[in-house]
C-alpha cells in the first residue's frame, strides 16, 4: 500500500530578506473530494506572497497538495486551510491563496483568502 503524501511544508531562508518582492505559484492540478458526495473536485490553486524570513520549498508544496487528493473538504475550507498552513510555515509579509474550482453541477466557484501581517 502506498504511503500518503506528507502535509509537512518545508521552507528555506529568503535569499533577499531586505527586498519586498512577490512570488507567484500556480498548481493547475489540485484535487480533493466533496465531503458530502465523495465526487472528485478539481481546481487551480494560485498563491501570491511577499516572503518574510522564509520561502516555500516547491517539492514539499507539491506533496502537501497531493495529500488532499482523497480528503473530503469543502472549497471554502480547503482554500483557508492552505493559507493558514502556508502562513504558519513561512511567516510572509502578505499572502493570497485563490482556489479556482472547476465547474461542477453547472456552478463555478472561486474562493480567495488573504493574509496581511499586522503592522505592515
PDB file of N, CA and C in Angstrom:
ATOM      1  N   UNK A   1       0.851  -1.183   0.000  1.00  0.00           N
ATOM      2  CA  UNK A   1       0.000   0.000   0.000  1.00  0.00           C
ATOM      3  C   UNK A   1       0.896   1.246   0.000  1.00  0.00           C
ATOM      4  N   UNK A   2       0.655   2.187  -0.922  1.00  0.00           N
ATOM      5  CA  UNK A   2       1.486   3.396  -0.942  1.00  0.00           C
ATOM      6  C   UNK A   2       1.220   4.270   0.271  1.00  0.00           C
ATOM      7  N   UNK A   3       2.243   4.976   0.675  1.00  0.00           N
ATOM      8  CA  UNK A   3       2.081   5.890   1.802  1.00  0.00           C
ATOM      9  C   UNK A   3       1.443   7.180   1.318  1.00  0.00           C
ATOM     10  N   UNK A   4       0.700   7.811   2.196  1.00  0.00           N
ATOM     11  CA  UNK A   4       0.081   9.093   1.855  1.00  0.00           C
ATOM     12  C   UNK A   4       1.135  10.178   1.823  1.00  0.00           C
ATOM     13  N   UNK A   5       1.013  11.095   0.878  1.00  0.00           N
ATOM     14  CA  UNK A   5       1.960  12.218   0.852  1.00  0.00           C
ATOM     15  C   UNK A   5       1.879  13.019   2.151  1.00  0.00           C
ATOM     16  N   UNK A   6       2.963  13.649   2.483  1.00  0.00           N
ATOM     17  CA  UNK A   6       3.065  14.413   3.721  1.00  0.00           C
ATOM     18  C   UNK A   6       2.446  15.798   3.575  1.00  0.00           C
ATOM     19  N   UNK A   7       1.842  16.261   4.656  1.00  0.00           N
ATOM     20  CA  UNK A   7       1.359  17.640   4.683  1.00  0.00           C
ATOM     21  C   UNK A   7       2.398  18.562   5.309  1.00  0.00           C
ATOM     22  N   UNK A   8       3.604  18.061   5.525  1.00  0.00           N
ATOM     23  CA  UNK A   8       4.669  18.891   6.089  1.00  0.00           C
ATOM     24  C   UNK A   8       5.200  19.829   5.014  1.00  0.00           C
ATOM     25  N   UNK A   9       5.189  21.100   5.306  1.00  0.00           N
ATOM     26  CA  UNK A   9       5.696  22.099   4.376  1.00  0.00           C
ATOM     27  C   UNK A   9       7.120  22.478   4.761  1.00  0.00           C
ATOM     28  N   UNK A  10       8.018  22.386   3.811  1.00  0.00           N
ATOM     29  CA  UNK A  10       9.390  22.782   4.054  1.00  0.00           C
ATOM     30  C   UNK A  10       9.610  24.188   3.506  1.00  0.00           C
ATOM     31  N   UNK A  11      10.563  24.876   4.094  1.00  0.00           N
ATOM     32  CA  UNK A  11      10.896  26.233   3.666  1.00  0.00           C
ATOM     33  C   UNK A  11      12.410  26.371   3.583  1.00  0.00           C
ATOM     34  N   UNK A  12      12.852  27.489   3.041  1.00  0.00           N
ATOM     35  CA  UNK A  12      14.274  27.804   3.017  1.00  0.00           C
ATOM     36  C   UNK A  12      14.421  29.295   3.287  1.00  0.00           C
ATOM     37  N   UNK A  13      15.600  29.736   3.746  1.00  0.00           N
ATOM     38  CA  UNK A  13      15.785  31.154   4.053  1.00  0.00           C
ATOM     39  C   UNK A  13      15.578  32.034   2.826  1.00  0.00           C
ATOM     40  N   UNK A  14      14.873  33.130   3.021  1.00  0.00           N
ATOM     41  CA  UNK A  14      14.653  34.113   1.959  1.00  0.00           C
ATOM     42  C   UNK A  14      16.019  34.640   1.516  1.00  0.00           C
ATOM     43  N   UNK A  15      16.380  34.461   0.220  1.00  0.00           N
ATOM     44  CA  UNK A  15      17.701  34.906  -0.222  1.00  0.00           C
ATOM     45  C   UNK A  15      17.841  36.425  -0.334  1.00  0.00           C
ATOM     46  N   UNK A  16      16.709  37.154  -0.281  1.00  0.00           N
ATOM     47  CA  UNK A  16      16.739  38.622  -0.363  1.00  0.00           C
ATOM     48  C   UNK A  16      15.786  39.226   0.676  1.00  0.00           C
ATOM     49  N   UNK A  17      16.096  39.033   1.958  1.00  0.00           N
ATOM     50  CA  UNK A  17      15.171  39.475   3.012  1.00  0.00           C
ATOM     51  C   UNK A  17      14.982  40.984   3.095  1.00  0.00           C
ATOM     52  N   UNK A  18      15.875  41.765   2.539  1.00  0.00           N
ATOM     53  CA  UNK A  18      15.749  43.220   2.595  1.00  0.00           C
ATOM     54  C   UNK A  18      14.932  43.806   1.461  1.00  0.00           C
ATOM     55  N   UNK A  19      14.416  42.972   0.588  1.00  0.00           N
ATOM     56  CA  UNK A  19      13.658  43.451  -0.570  1.00  0.00           C
ATOM     57  C   UNK A  19      12.239  42.893  -0.530  1.00  0.00           C
ATOM     58  N   UNK A  20      11.257  43.746  -0.778  1.00  0.00           N
ATOM     59  CA  UNK A  20       9.863  43.299  -0.863  1.00  0.00           C
ATOM     60  C   UNK A  20       9.594  42.876  -2.306  1.00  0.00           C
ATOM     61  N   UNK A  21       9.664  41.584  -2.551  1.00  0.00           N
ATOM     62  CA  UNK A  21       9.386  41.063  -3.887  1.00  0.00           C
ATOM     63  C   UNK A  21       8.265  40.035  -3.779  1.00  0.00           C
ATOM     64  N   UNK A  22       7.628  39.752  -4.895  1.00  0.00           N
ATOM     65  CA  UNK A  22       6.451  38.901  -4.899  1.00  0.00           C
ATOM     66  C   UNK A  22       6.763  37.570  -5.578  1.00  0.00           C
ATOM     67  N   UNK A  23       6.230  36.508  -5.026  1.00  0.00           N
ATOM     68  CA  UNK A  23       6.367  35.169  -5.592  1.00  0.00           C
ATOM     69  C   UNK A  23       4.971  34.684  -5.961  1.00  0.00           C
ATOM     70  N   UNK A  24       4.817  34.188  -7.195  1.00  0.00           N
ATOM     71  CA  UNK A  24       3.547  33.625  -7.672  1.00  0.00           C
ATOM     72  C   UNK A  24       3.753  32.144  -7.950  1.00  0.00           C
ATOM     73  N   UNK A  25       2.882  31.323  -7.389  1.00  0.00           N
ATOM     74  CA  UNK A  25       2.939  29.875  -7.594  1.00  0.00           C
ATOM     75  C   UNK A  25       1.560  29.433  -8.078  1.00  0.00           C
ATOM     76  N   UNK A  26       1.530  28.589  -9.111  1.00  0.00           N
ATOM     77  CA  UNK A  26       0.266  28.067  -9.621  1.00  0.00           C
ATOM     78  C   UNK A  26       0.327  26.548  -9.649  1.00  0.00           C
ATOM     79  N   UNK A  27      -0.701  25.930  -9.100  1.00  0.00           N
ATOM     80  CA  UNK A  27      -0.864  24.476  -9.162  1.00  0.00           C
ATOM     81  C   UNK A  27      -2.161  24.198  -9.922  1.00  0.00           C
ATOM     82  N   UNK A  28      -2.069  23.883 -11.235  1.00  0.00           N
ATOM     83  CA  UNK A  28      -3.280  23.688 -12.035  1.00  0.00           C
ATOM     84  C   UNK A  28      -3.924  22.312 -11.879  1.00  0.00           C
ATOM     85  N   UNK A  29      -3.368  21.452 -11.024  1.00  0.00           N
ATOM     86  CA  UNK A  29      -3.862  20.079 -10.923  1.00  0.00           C
ATOM     87  C   UNK A  29      -4.258  19.692  -9.499  1.00  0.00           C
ATOM     88  N   UNK A  30      -4.787  20.621  -8.724  1.00  0.00           N
ATOM     89  CA  UNK A  30      -5.200  20.320  -7.356  1.00  0.00           C
ATOM     90  C   UNK A  30      -6.463  19.468  -7.388  1.00  0.00           C
ATOM     91  N   UNK A  31      -6.497  18.439  -6.545  1.00  0.00           N
ATOM     92  CA  UNK A  31      -7.688  17.599  -6.441  1.00  0.00           C
ATOM     93  C   UNK A  31      -7.998  17.312  -4.973  1.00  0.00           C
ATOM     94  N   UNK A  32      -9.283  17.215  -4.706  1.00  0.00           N
ATOM     95  CA  UNK A  32      -9.788  16.771  -3.405  1.00  0.00           C
ATOM     96  C   UNK A  32     -11.138  16.113  -3.700  1.00  0.00           C
ATOM     97  N   UNK A  33     -11.888  15.795  -2.662  1.00  0.00           N
ATOM     98  CA  UNK A  33     -13.211  15.211  -2.895  1.00  0.00           C
ATOM     99  C   UNK A  33     -14.262  15.962  -2.084  1.00  0.00           C
ATOM    100  N   UNK A  34     -15.474  15.956  -2.604  1.00  0.00           N
ATOM    101  CA  UNK A  34     -16.598  16.578  -1.904  1.00  0.00           C
ATOM    102  C   UNK A  34     -16.887  15.767  -0.643  1.00  0.00           C
ATOM    103  N   UNK A  35     -16.996  16.415   0.521  1.00  0.00           N
ATOM    104  CA  UNK A  35     -17.239  15.677   1.758  1.00  0.00           C
ATOM    105  C   UNK A  35     -18.651  15.103   1.851  1.00  0.00           C
ATOM    106  N   UNK A  36     -19.548  15.551   0.988  1.00  0.00           N
ATOM    107  CA  UNK A  36     -20.925  15.045   1.025  1.00  0.00           C
ATOM    108  C   UNK A  36     -21.127  13.913   0.022  1.00  0.00           C
ATOM    109  N   UNK A  37     -20.698  14.129  -1.225  1.00  0.00           N
ATOM    110  CA  UNK A  37     -20.967  13.156  -2.283  1.00  0.00           C
ATOM    111  C   UNK A  37     -19.805  12.208  -2.562  1.00  0.00           C
ATOM    112  N   UNK A  38     -18.586  12.601  -2.152  1.00  0.00           N
ATOM    113  CA  UNK A  38     -17.417  11.804  -2.482  1.00  0.00           C
ATOM    114  C   UNK A  38     -16.941  12.002  -3.907  1.00  0.00           C
ATOM    115  N   UNK A  39     -17.594  12.899  -4.652  1.00  0.00           N
ATOM    116  CA  UNK A  39     -17.203  13.195  -6.032  1.00  0.00           C
ATOM    117  C   UNK A  39     -15.882  13.955  -6.036  1.00  0.00           C
ATOM    118  N   UNK A  40     -15.067  13.736  -7.054  1.00  0.00           N
ATOM    119  CA  UNK A  40     -13.797  14.466  -7.114  1.00  0.00           C
ATOM    120  C   UNK A  40     -14.008  15.944  -7.437  1.00  0.00           C
ATOM    121  N   UNK A  41     -13.185  16.771  -6.851  1.00  0.00           N
ATOM    122  CA  UNK A  41     -13.163  18.202  -7.145  1.00  0.00           C
ATOM    123  C   UNK A  41     -11.799  18.532  -7.722  1.00  0.00           C
ATOM    124  N   UNK A  42     -11.790  19.388  -8.730  1.00  0.00           N
ATOM    125  CA  UNK A  42     -10.563  19.792  -9.406  1.00  0.00           C
ATOM    126  C   UNK A  42     -10.453  21.309  -9.346  1.00  0.00           C
ATOM    127  N   UNK A  43      -9.238  21.790  -9.143  1.00  0.00           N
ATOM    128  CA  UNK A  43      -9.052  23.238  -9.030  1.00  0.00           C
ATOM    129  C   UNK A  43      -7.650  23.632  -9.473  1.00  0.00           C
ATOM    130  N   UNK A  44      -7.530  24.912  -9.759  1.00  0.00           N
ATOM    131  CA  UNK A  44      -6.228  25.551  -9.879  1.00  0.00           C
ATOM    132  C   UNK A  44      -6.044  26.356  -8.610  1.00  0.00           C
ATOM    133  N   UNK A  45      -4.946  26.113  -7.916  1.00  0.00           N
ATOM    134  CA  UNK A  45      -4.625  26.872  -6.710  1.00  0.00           C
ATOM    135  C   UNK A  45      -3.529  27.871  -7.083  1.00  0.00           C
ATOM    136  N   UNK A  46      -3.788  29.139  -6.811  1.00  0.00           N
ATOM    137  CA  UNK A  46      -2.804  30.190  -7.070  1.00  0.00           C
ATOM    138  C   UNK A  46      -2.398  30.822  -5.745  1.00  0.00           C
ATOM    139  N   UNK A  47      -1.098  30.921  -5.545  1.00  0.00           N
ATOM    140  CA  UNK A  47      -0.536  31.508  -4.330  1.00  0.00           C
ATOM    141  C   UNK A  47       0.316  32.691  -4.752  1.00  0.00           C
ATOM    142  N   UNK A  48       0.072  33.831  -4.145  1.00  0.00           N
ATOM    143  CA  UNK A  48       0.902  35.015  -4.360  1.00  0.00           C
ATOM    144  C   UNK A  48       1.318  35.511  -2.990  1.00  0.00           C
ATOM    145  N   UNK A  49       2.640  35.699  -2.797  1.00  0.00           N
ATOM    146  CA  UNK A  49       3.079  36.178  -1.487  1.00  0.00           C
ATOM    147  C   UNK A  49       4.347  37.005  -1.574  1.00  0.00           C
ATOM    148  N   UNK A  50       4.459  37.894  -0.597  1.00  0.00           N
ATOM    149  CA  UNK A  50       5.697  38.630  -0.362  1.00  0.00           C
ATOM    150  C   UNK A  50       6.351  37.910   0.805  1.00  0.00           C
ATOM    151  N   UNK A  51       7.519  37.286   0.572  1.00  0.00           N
ATOM    152  CA  UNK A  51       8.103  36.478   1.636  1.00  0.00           C
ATOM    153  C   UNK A  51       8.622  37.304   2.795  1.00  0.00           C
ATOM    154  N   UNK A  52       8.557  36.698   3.956  1.00  0.00           N
ATOM    155  CA  UNK A  52       9.194  37.234   5.149  1.00  0.00           C
ATOM    156  C   UNK A  52      10.548  36.561   5.272  1.00  0.00           C
ATOM    157  N   UNK A  53      10.819  35.924   6.400  1.00  0.00           N
ATOM    158  CA  UNK A  53      12.134  35.315   6.598  1.00  0.00           C
ATOM    159  C   UNK A  53      12.352  34.026   5.802  1.00  0.00           C
ATOM    160  N   UNK A  54      11.261  33.383   5.348  1.00  0.00           N
ATOM    161  CA  UNK A  54      11.397  32.077   4.687  1.00  0.00           C
ATOM    162  C   UNK A  54      10.547  32.016   3.425  1.00  0.00           C
ATOM    163  N   UNK A  55      10.980  31.181   2.491  1.00  0.00           N
ATOM    164  CA  UNK A  55      10.250  30.921   1.244  1.00  0.00           C
ATOM    165  C   UNK A  55       9.778  29.468   1.242  1.00  0.00           C
ATOM    166  N   UNK A  56       8.733  29.187   0.500  1.00  0.00           N
ATOM    167  CA  UNK A  56       8.161  27.845   0.426  1.00  0.00           C
ATOM    168  C   UNK A  56       8.972  26.989  -0.544  1.00  0.00           C
ATOM    169  N   UNK A  57       9.343  25.802  -0.100  1.00  0.00           N
ATOM    170  CA  UNK A  57      10.056  24.852  -0.951  1.00  0.00           C
ATOM    171  C   UNK A  57       9.009  24.124  -1.807  1.00  0.00           C
ATOM    172  N   UNK A  58       9.198  24.112  -3.123  1.00  0.00           N
ATOM    173  CA  UNK A  58       8.143  23.682  -4.039  1.00  0.00           C
ATOM    174  C   UNK A  58       7.857  22.181  -4.035  1.00  0.00           C
ATOM    175  N   UNK A  59       8.851  21.338  -3.855  1.00  0.00           N
ATOM    176  CA  UNK A  59       8.559  19.902  -3.828  1.00  0.00           C
ATOM    177  C   UNK A  59       7.678  19.557  -2.638  1.00  0.00           C
ATOM    178  N   UNK A  60       7.970  20.132  -1.491  1.00  0.00           N
ATOM    179  CA  UNK A  60       7.128  19.854  -0.318  1.00  0.00           C
ATOM    180  C   UNK A  60       5.723  20.413  -0.520  1.00  0.00           C
ATOM    181  N   UNK A  61       5.607  21.538  -1.248  1.00  0.00           N
ATOM    182  CA  UNK A  61       4.282  22.094  -1.556  1.00  0.00           C
ATOM    183  C   UNK A  61       3.501  21.130  -2.439  1.00  0.00           C
ATOM    184  N   UNK A  62       4.173  20.556  -3.432  1.00  0.00           N
ATOM    185  CA  UNK A  62       3.519  19.581  -4.304  1.00  0.00           C
ATOM    186  C   UNK A  62       3.004  18.400  -3.490  1.00  0.00           C
ATOM    187  N   UNK A  63       3.823  17.861  -2.585  1.00  0.00           N
ATOM    188  CA  UNK A  63       3.397  16.736  -1.756  1.00  0.00           C
ATOM    189  C   UNK A  63       2.275  17.136  -0.798  1.00  0.00           C
ATOM    190  N   UNK A  64       2.344  18.356  -0.301  1.00  0.00           N
ATOM    191  CA  UNK A  64       1.276  18.887   0.553  1.00  0.00           C
ATOM    192  C   UNK A  64      -0.051  18.893  -0.209  1.00  0.00           C
ATOM    193  N   UNK A  65      -0.025  19.388  -1.446  1.00  0.00           N
ATOM    194  CA  UNK A  65      -1.239  19.404  -2.262  1.00  0.00           C
ATOM    195  C   UNK A  65      -1.744  17.987  -2.532  1.00  0.00           C
ATOM    196  N   UNK A  66      -0.850  17.067  -2.825  1.00  0.00           N
ATOM    197  CA  UNK A  66      -1.251  15.683  -3.099  1.00  0.00           C
ATOM    198  C   UNK A  66      -1.956  15.050  -1.909  1.00  0.00           C
ATOM    199  N   UNK A  67      -1.613  15.477  -0.707  1.00  0.00           N
ATOM    200  CA  UNK A  67      -2.223  14.898   0.490  1.00  0.00           C
ATOM    201  C   UNK A  67      -3.727  15.159   0.553  1.00  0.00           C
ATOM    202  N   UNK A  68      -4.222  16.119  -0.222  1.00  0.00           N
ATOM    203  CA  UNK A  68      -5.659  16.419  -0.240  1.00  0.00           C
ATOM    204  C   UNK A  68      -6.438  15.550  -1.226  1.00  0.00           C
ATOM    205  N   UNK A  69      -5.783  14.744  -2.037  1.00  0.00           N
ATOM    206  CA  UNK A  69      -6.450  14.002  -3.113  1.00  0.00           C
ATOM    207  C   UNK A  69      -7.602  13.136  -2.649  1.00  0.00           C
ATOM    208  N   UNK A  70      -7.488  12.523  -1.498  1.00  0.00           N
ATOM    209  CA  UNK A  70      -8.531  11.625  -1.009  1.00  0.00           C
ATOM    210  C   UNK A  70      -9.279  12.215   0.175  1.00  0.00           C
ATOM    211  N   UNK A  71      -9.079  13.497   0.429  1.00  0.00           N
ATOM    212  CA  UNK A  71      -9.673  14.127   1.595  1.00  0.00           C
ATOM    213  C   UNK A  71     -10.974  14.843   1.234  1.00  0.00           C
ATOM    214  N   UNK A  72     -12.012  14.586   2.009  1.00  0.00           N
ATOM    215  CA  UNK A  72     -13.280  15.278   1.819  1.00  0.00           C
ATOM    216  C   UNK A  72     -13.230  16.639   2.473  1.00  0.00           C
ATOM    217  N   UNK A  73     -13.332  17.689   1.648  1.00  0.00           N
ATOM    218  CA  UNK A  73     -13.199  19.035   2.186  1.00  0.00           C
ATOM    219  C   UNK A  73     -13.937  20.022   1.278  1.00  0.00           C
ATOM    220  N   UNK A  74     -14.648  20.960   1.870  1.00  0.00           N
ATOM    221  CA  UNK A  74     -15.343  21.993   1.101  1.00  0.00           C
ATOM    222  C   UNK A  74     -14.346  22.986   0.524  1.00  0.00           C
ATOM    223  N   UNK A  75     -14.710  23.595  -0.605  1.00  0.00           N
ATOM    224  CA  UNK A  75     -13.849  24.572  -1.287  1.00  0.00           C
ATOM    225  C   UNK A  75     -13.389  25.685  -0.348  1.00  0.00           C
ATOM    226  N   UNK A  76     -14.354  26.241   0.395  1.00  0.00           N
ATOM    227  CA  UNK A  76     -14.057  27.368   1.281  1.00  0.00           C
ATOM    228  C   UNK A  76     -13.065  26.968   2.362  1.00  0.00           C
ATOM    229  N   UNK A  77     -13.233  25.757   2.873  1.00  0.00           N
ATOM    230  CA  UNK A  77     -12.361  25.292   3.940  1.00  0.00           C
ATOM    231  C   UNK A  77     -10.952  25.011   3.431  1.00  0.00           C
ATOM    232  N   UNK A  78     -10.838  24.308   2.318  1.00  0.00           N
ATOM    233  CA  UNK A  78      -9.503  23.933   1.843  1.00  0.00           C
ATOM    234  C   UNK A  78      -8.690  25.162   1.449  1.00  0.00           C
ATOM    235  N   UNK A  79      -9.325  26.158   0.856  1.00  0.00           N
ATOM    236  CA  UNK A  79      -8.593  27.372   0.480  1.00  0.00           C
ATOM    237  C   UNK A  79      -8.049  28.069   1.723  1.00  0.00           C
ATOM    238  N   UNK A  80      -8.852  28.165   2.766  1.00  0.00           N
ATOM    239  CA  UNK A  80      -8.407  28.798   4.009  1.00  0.00           C
ATOM    240  C   UNK A  80      -7.402  27.935   4.773  1.00  0.00           C
ATOM    241  N   UNK A  81      -7.540  26.612   4.725  1.00  0.00           N
ATOM    242  CA  UNK A  81      -6.556  25.730   5.359  1.00  0.00           C
ATOM    243  C   UNK A  81      -5.188  25.878   4.701  1.00  0.00           C
ATOM    244  N   UNK A  82      -5.174  25.942   3.376  1.00  0.00           N
ATOM    245  CA  UNK A  82      -3.912  26.125   2.654  1.00  0.00           C
ATOM    246  C   UNK A  82      -3.262  27.433   3.082  1.00  0.00           C
ATOM    247  N   UNK A  83      -4.046  28.510   3.112  1.00  0.00           N
ATOM    248  CA  UNK A  83      -3.498  29.800   3.546  1.00  0.00           C
ATOM    249  C   UNK A  83      -2.933  29.699   4.962  1.00  0.00           C
ATOM    250  N   UNK A  84      -3.701  29.151   5.888  1.00  0.00           N
ATOM    251  CA  UNK A  84      -3.245  29.045   7.283  1.00  0.00           C
ATOM    252  C   UNK A  84      -1.948  28.244   7.398  1.00  0.00           C
ATOM    253  N   UNK A  85      -1.866  27.126   6.686  1.00  0.00           N
ATOM    254  CA  UNK A  85      -0.675  26.281   6.763  1.00  0.00           C
ATOM    255  C   UNK A  85       0.543  26.979   6.158  1.00  0.00           C
ATOM    256  N   UNK A  86       0.355  27.666   5.033  1.00  0.00           N
ATOM    257  CA  UNK A  86       1.472  28.360   4.395  1.00  0.00           C
ATOM    258  C   UNK A  86       1.957  29.531   5.247  1.00  0.00           C
ATOM    259  N   UNK A  87       1.035  30.283   5.819  1.00  0.00           N
ATOM    260  CA  UNK A  87       1.416  31.404   6.691  1.00  0.00           C
ATOM    261  C   UNK A  87       2.192  30.873   7.901  1.00  0.00           C
ATOM    262  N   UNK A  88       1.729  29.780   8.495  1.00  0.00           N
ATOM    263  CA  UNK A  88       2.425  29.200   9.651  1.00  0.00           C
ATOM    264  C   UNK A  88       3.827  28.719   9.271  1.00  0.00           C
ATOM    265  N   UNK A  89       3.987  28.227   8.056  1.00  0.00           N
ATOM    266  CA  UNK A  89       5.274  27.674   7.632  1.00  0.00           C
ATOM    267  C   UNK A  89       6.311  28.743   7.302  1.00  0.00           C
ATOM    268  N   UNK A  90       5.877  29.858   6.669  1.00  0.00           N
ATOM    269  CA  UNK A  90       6.898  30.788   6.155  1.00  0.00           C
ATOM    270  C   UNK A  90       6.782  32.222   6.648  1.00  0.00           C
ATOM    271  N   UNK A  91       5.763  32.553   7.430  1.00  0.00           N
ATOM    272  CA  UNK A  91       5.609  33.892   8.003  1.00  0.00           C
ATOM    273  C   UNK A  91       5.765  35.005   6.958  1.00  0.00           C
ATOM    274  N   UNK A  92       4.916  35.006   5.917  1.00  0.00           N
ATOM    275  CA  UNK A  92       5.042  36.019   4.862  1.00  0.00           C
ATOM    276  C   UNK A  92       4.603  37.397   5.340  1.00  0.00           C
ATOM    277  N   UNK A  93       5.001  38.402   4.589  1.00  0.00           N
ATOM    278  CA  UNK A  93       4.514  39.760   4.829  1.00  0.00           C
ATOM    279  C   UNK A  93       3.039  39.819   4.451  1.00  0.00           C
ATOM    280  N   UNK A  94       2.724  39.269   3.292  1.00  0.00           N
ATOM    281  CA  UNK A  94       1.320  39.130   2.882  1.00  0.00           C
ATOM    282  C   UNK A  94       1.215  37.944   1.935  1.00  0.00           C
ATOM    283  N   UNK A  95       0.007  37.381   1.882  1.00  0.00           N
ATOM    284  CA  UNK A  95      -0.217  36.208   1.043  1.00  0.00           C
ATOM    285  C   UNK A  95      -1.673  36.153   0.626  1.00  0.00           C
ATOM    286  N   UNK A  96      -1.885  35.718  -0.605  1.00  0.00           N
ATOM    287  CA  UNK A  96      -3.225  35.461  -1.122  1.00  0.00           C
ATOM    288  C   UNK A  96      -3.234  34.059  -1.708  1.00  0.00           C
ATOM    289  N   UNK A  97      -4.262  33.291  -1.359  1.00  0.00           N
ATOM    290  CA  UNK A  97      -4.468  31.973  -1.942  1.00  0.00           C
ATOM    291  C   UNK A  97      -5.824  31.994  -2.636  1.00  0.00           C
ATOM    292  N   UNK A  98      -5.825  31.618  -3.911  1.00  0.00           N
ATOM    293  CA  UNK A  98      -7.056  31.551  -4.694  1.00  0.00           C
ATOM    294  C   UNK A  98      -7.304  30.099  -5.062  1.00  0.00           C
ATOM    295  N   UNK A  99      -8.460  29.586  -4.696  1.00  0.00           N
ATOM    296  CA  UNK A  99      -8.912  28.268  -5.130  1.00  0.00           C
ATOM    297  C   UNK A  99      -9.909  28.475  -6.254  1.00  0.00           C
ATOM    298  N   UNK A 100      -9.494  28.187  -7.475  1.00  0.00           N
ATOM    299  CA  UNK A 100     -10.330  28.371  -8.674  1.00  0.00           C
ATOM    300  C   UNK A 100     -10.829  26.986  -9.079  1.00  0.00           C
ATOM    301  N   UNK A 101     -12.011  26.627  -8.607  1.00  0.00           N
ATOM    302  CA  UNK A 101     -12.542  25.276  -8.760  1.00  0.00           C
ATOM    303  C   UNK A 101     -13.295  25.111 -10.073  1.00  0.00           C
ATOM    304  N   UNK A 102     -13.117  23.944 -10.690  1.00  0.00           N
ATOM    305  CA  UNK A 102     -13.774  23.652 -11.965  1.00  0.00           C
ATOM    306  C   UNK A 102     -15.284  23.610 -11.781  1.00  0.00           C
ATOM    307  N   UNK A 103     -15.974  23.827 -12.865  1.00  0.00           N
ATOM    308  CA  UNK A 103     -17.434  23.777 -12.857  1.00  0.00           C
ATOM    309  C   UNK A 103     -17.887  22.377 -12.441  1.00  0.00           C
ATOM    310  N   UNK A 104     -18.852  22.347 -11.518  1.00  0.00           N
ATOM    311  CA  UNK A 104     -19.492  21.087 -11.141  1.00  0.00           C
ATOM    312  C   UNK A 104     -20.959  21.374 -10.910  1.00  0.00           C
ATOM    313  N   UNK A 105     -21.816  20.597 -11.556  1.00  0.00           N
ATOM    314  CA  UNK A 105     -23.254  20.810 -11.441  1.00  0.00           C
ATOM    315  C   UNK A 105     -23.686  22.156 -12.003  1.00  0.00           C
ATOM    316  N   UNK A 106     -22.924  22.665 -12.969  1.00  0.00           N
ATOM    317  CA  UNK A 106     -23.264  23.936 -13.599  1.00  0.00           C
ATOM    318  C   UNK A 106     -22.878  25.160 -12.776  1.00  0.00           C
ATOM    319  N   UNK A 107     -22.102  24.969 -11.705  1.00  0.00           N
ATOM    320  CA  UNK A 107     -21.719  26.093 -10.845  1.00  0.00           C
ATOM    321  C   UNK A 107     -20.194  26.195 -10.784  1.00  0.00           C
ATOM    322  N   UNK A 108     -19.708  27.398 -10.984  1.00  0.00           N
ATOM    323  CA  UNK A 108     -18.276  27.710 -10.905  1.00  0.00           C
ATOM    324  C   UNK A 108     -18.028  28.447  -9.604  1.00  0.00           C
ATOM    325  N   UNK A 109     -16.992  28.040  -8.863  1.00  0.00           N
ATOM    326  CA  UNK A 109     -16.682  28.676  -7.587  1.00  0.00           C
ATOM    327  C   UNK A 109     -15.208  29.074  -7.546  1.00  0.00           C
ATOM    328  N   UNK A 110     -14.969  30.304  -7.105  1.00  0.00           N
ATOM    329  CA  UNK A 110     -13.611  30.795  -6.862  1.00  0.00           C
ATOM    330  C   UNK A 110     -13.585  31.336  -5.440  1.00  0.00           C
ATOM    331  N   UNK A 111     -12.662  30.824  -4.629  1.00  0.00           N
ATOM    332  CA  UNK A 111     -12.527  31.251  -3.237  1.00  0.00           C
ATOM    333  C   UNK A 111     -11.175  31.948  -3.090  1.00  0.00           C
ATOM    334  N   UNK A 112     -11.171  33.153  -2.510  1.00  0.00           N
ATOM    335  CA  UNK A 112      -9.950  33.917  -2.296  1.00  0.00           C
ATOM    336  C   UNK A 112      -9.783  34.172  -0.799  1.00  0.00           C
ATOM    337  N   UNK A 113      -8.627  33.776  -0.267  1.00  0.00           N
ATOM    338  CA  UNK A 113      -8.319  34.007   1.151  1.00  0.00           C
ATOM    339  C   UNK A 113      -7.039  34.834   1.216  1.00  0.00           C
ATOM    340  N   UNK A 114      -7.033  35.855   2.086  1.00  0.00           N
ATOM    341  CA  UNK A 114      -5.890  36.771   2.182  1.00  0.00           C
ATOM    342  C   UNK A 114      -5.355  36.856   3.597  1.00  0.00           C
ATOM    343  N   UNK A 115      -4.051  37.099   3.677  1.00  0.00           N
ATOM    344  CA  UNK A 115      -3.372  37.326   4.940  1.00  0.00           C
ATOM    345  C   UNK A 115      -2.487  38.554   4.796  1.00  0.00           C
ATOM    346  N   UNK A 116      -2.478  39.395   5.825  1.00  0.00           N
ATOM    347  CA  UNK A 116      -1.584  40.561   5.881  1.00  0.00           C
ATOM    348  C   UNK A 116      -0.989  40.584   7.272  1.00  0.00           C
ATOM    349  N   UNK A 117       0.333  40.585   7.361  1.00  0.00           N
ATOM    350  CA  UNK A 117       1.000  40.635   8.655  1.00  0.00           C
ATOM    351  C   UNK A 117       0.625  41.941   9.356  1.00  0.00           C
ATOM    352  N   UNK A 118       0.366  41.895  10.633  1.00  0.00           N
ATOM    353  CA  UNK A 118      -0.002  43.078  11.402  1.00  0.00           C
ATOM    354  C   UNK A 118       1.108  44.119  11.342  1.00  0.00           C
ATOM    355  N   UNK A 119       0.723  45.381  11.166  1.00  0.00           N
ATOM    356  CA  UNK A 119       1.669  46.479  11.164  1.00  0.00           C
ATOM    357  C   UNK A 119       2.415  46.665   9.861  1.00  0.00           C
ATOM    358  N   UNK A 120       2.108  45.889   8.857  1.00  0.00           N
ATOM    359  CA  UNK A 120       2.811  46.010   7.562  1.00  0.00           C
ATOM    360  C   UNK A 120       1.982  46.845   6.600  1.00  0.00           C
TER     361      UNK A 120
END
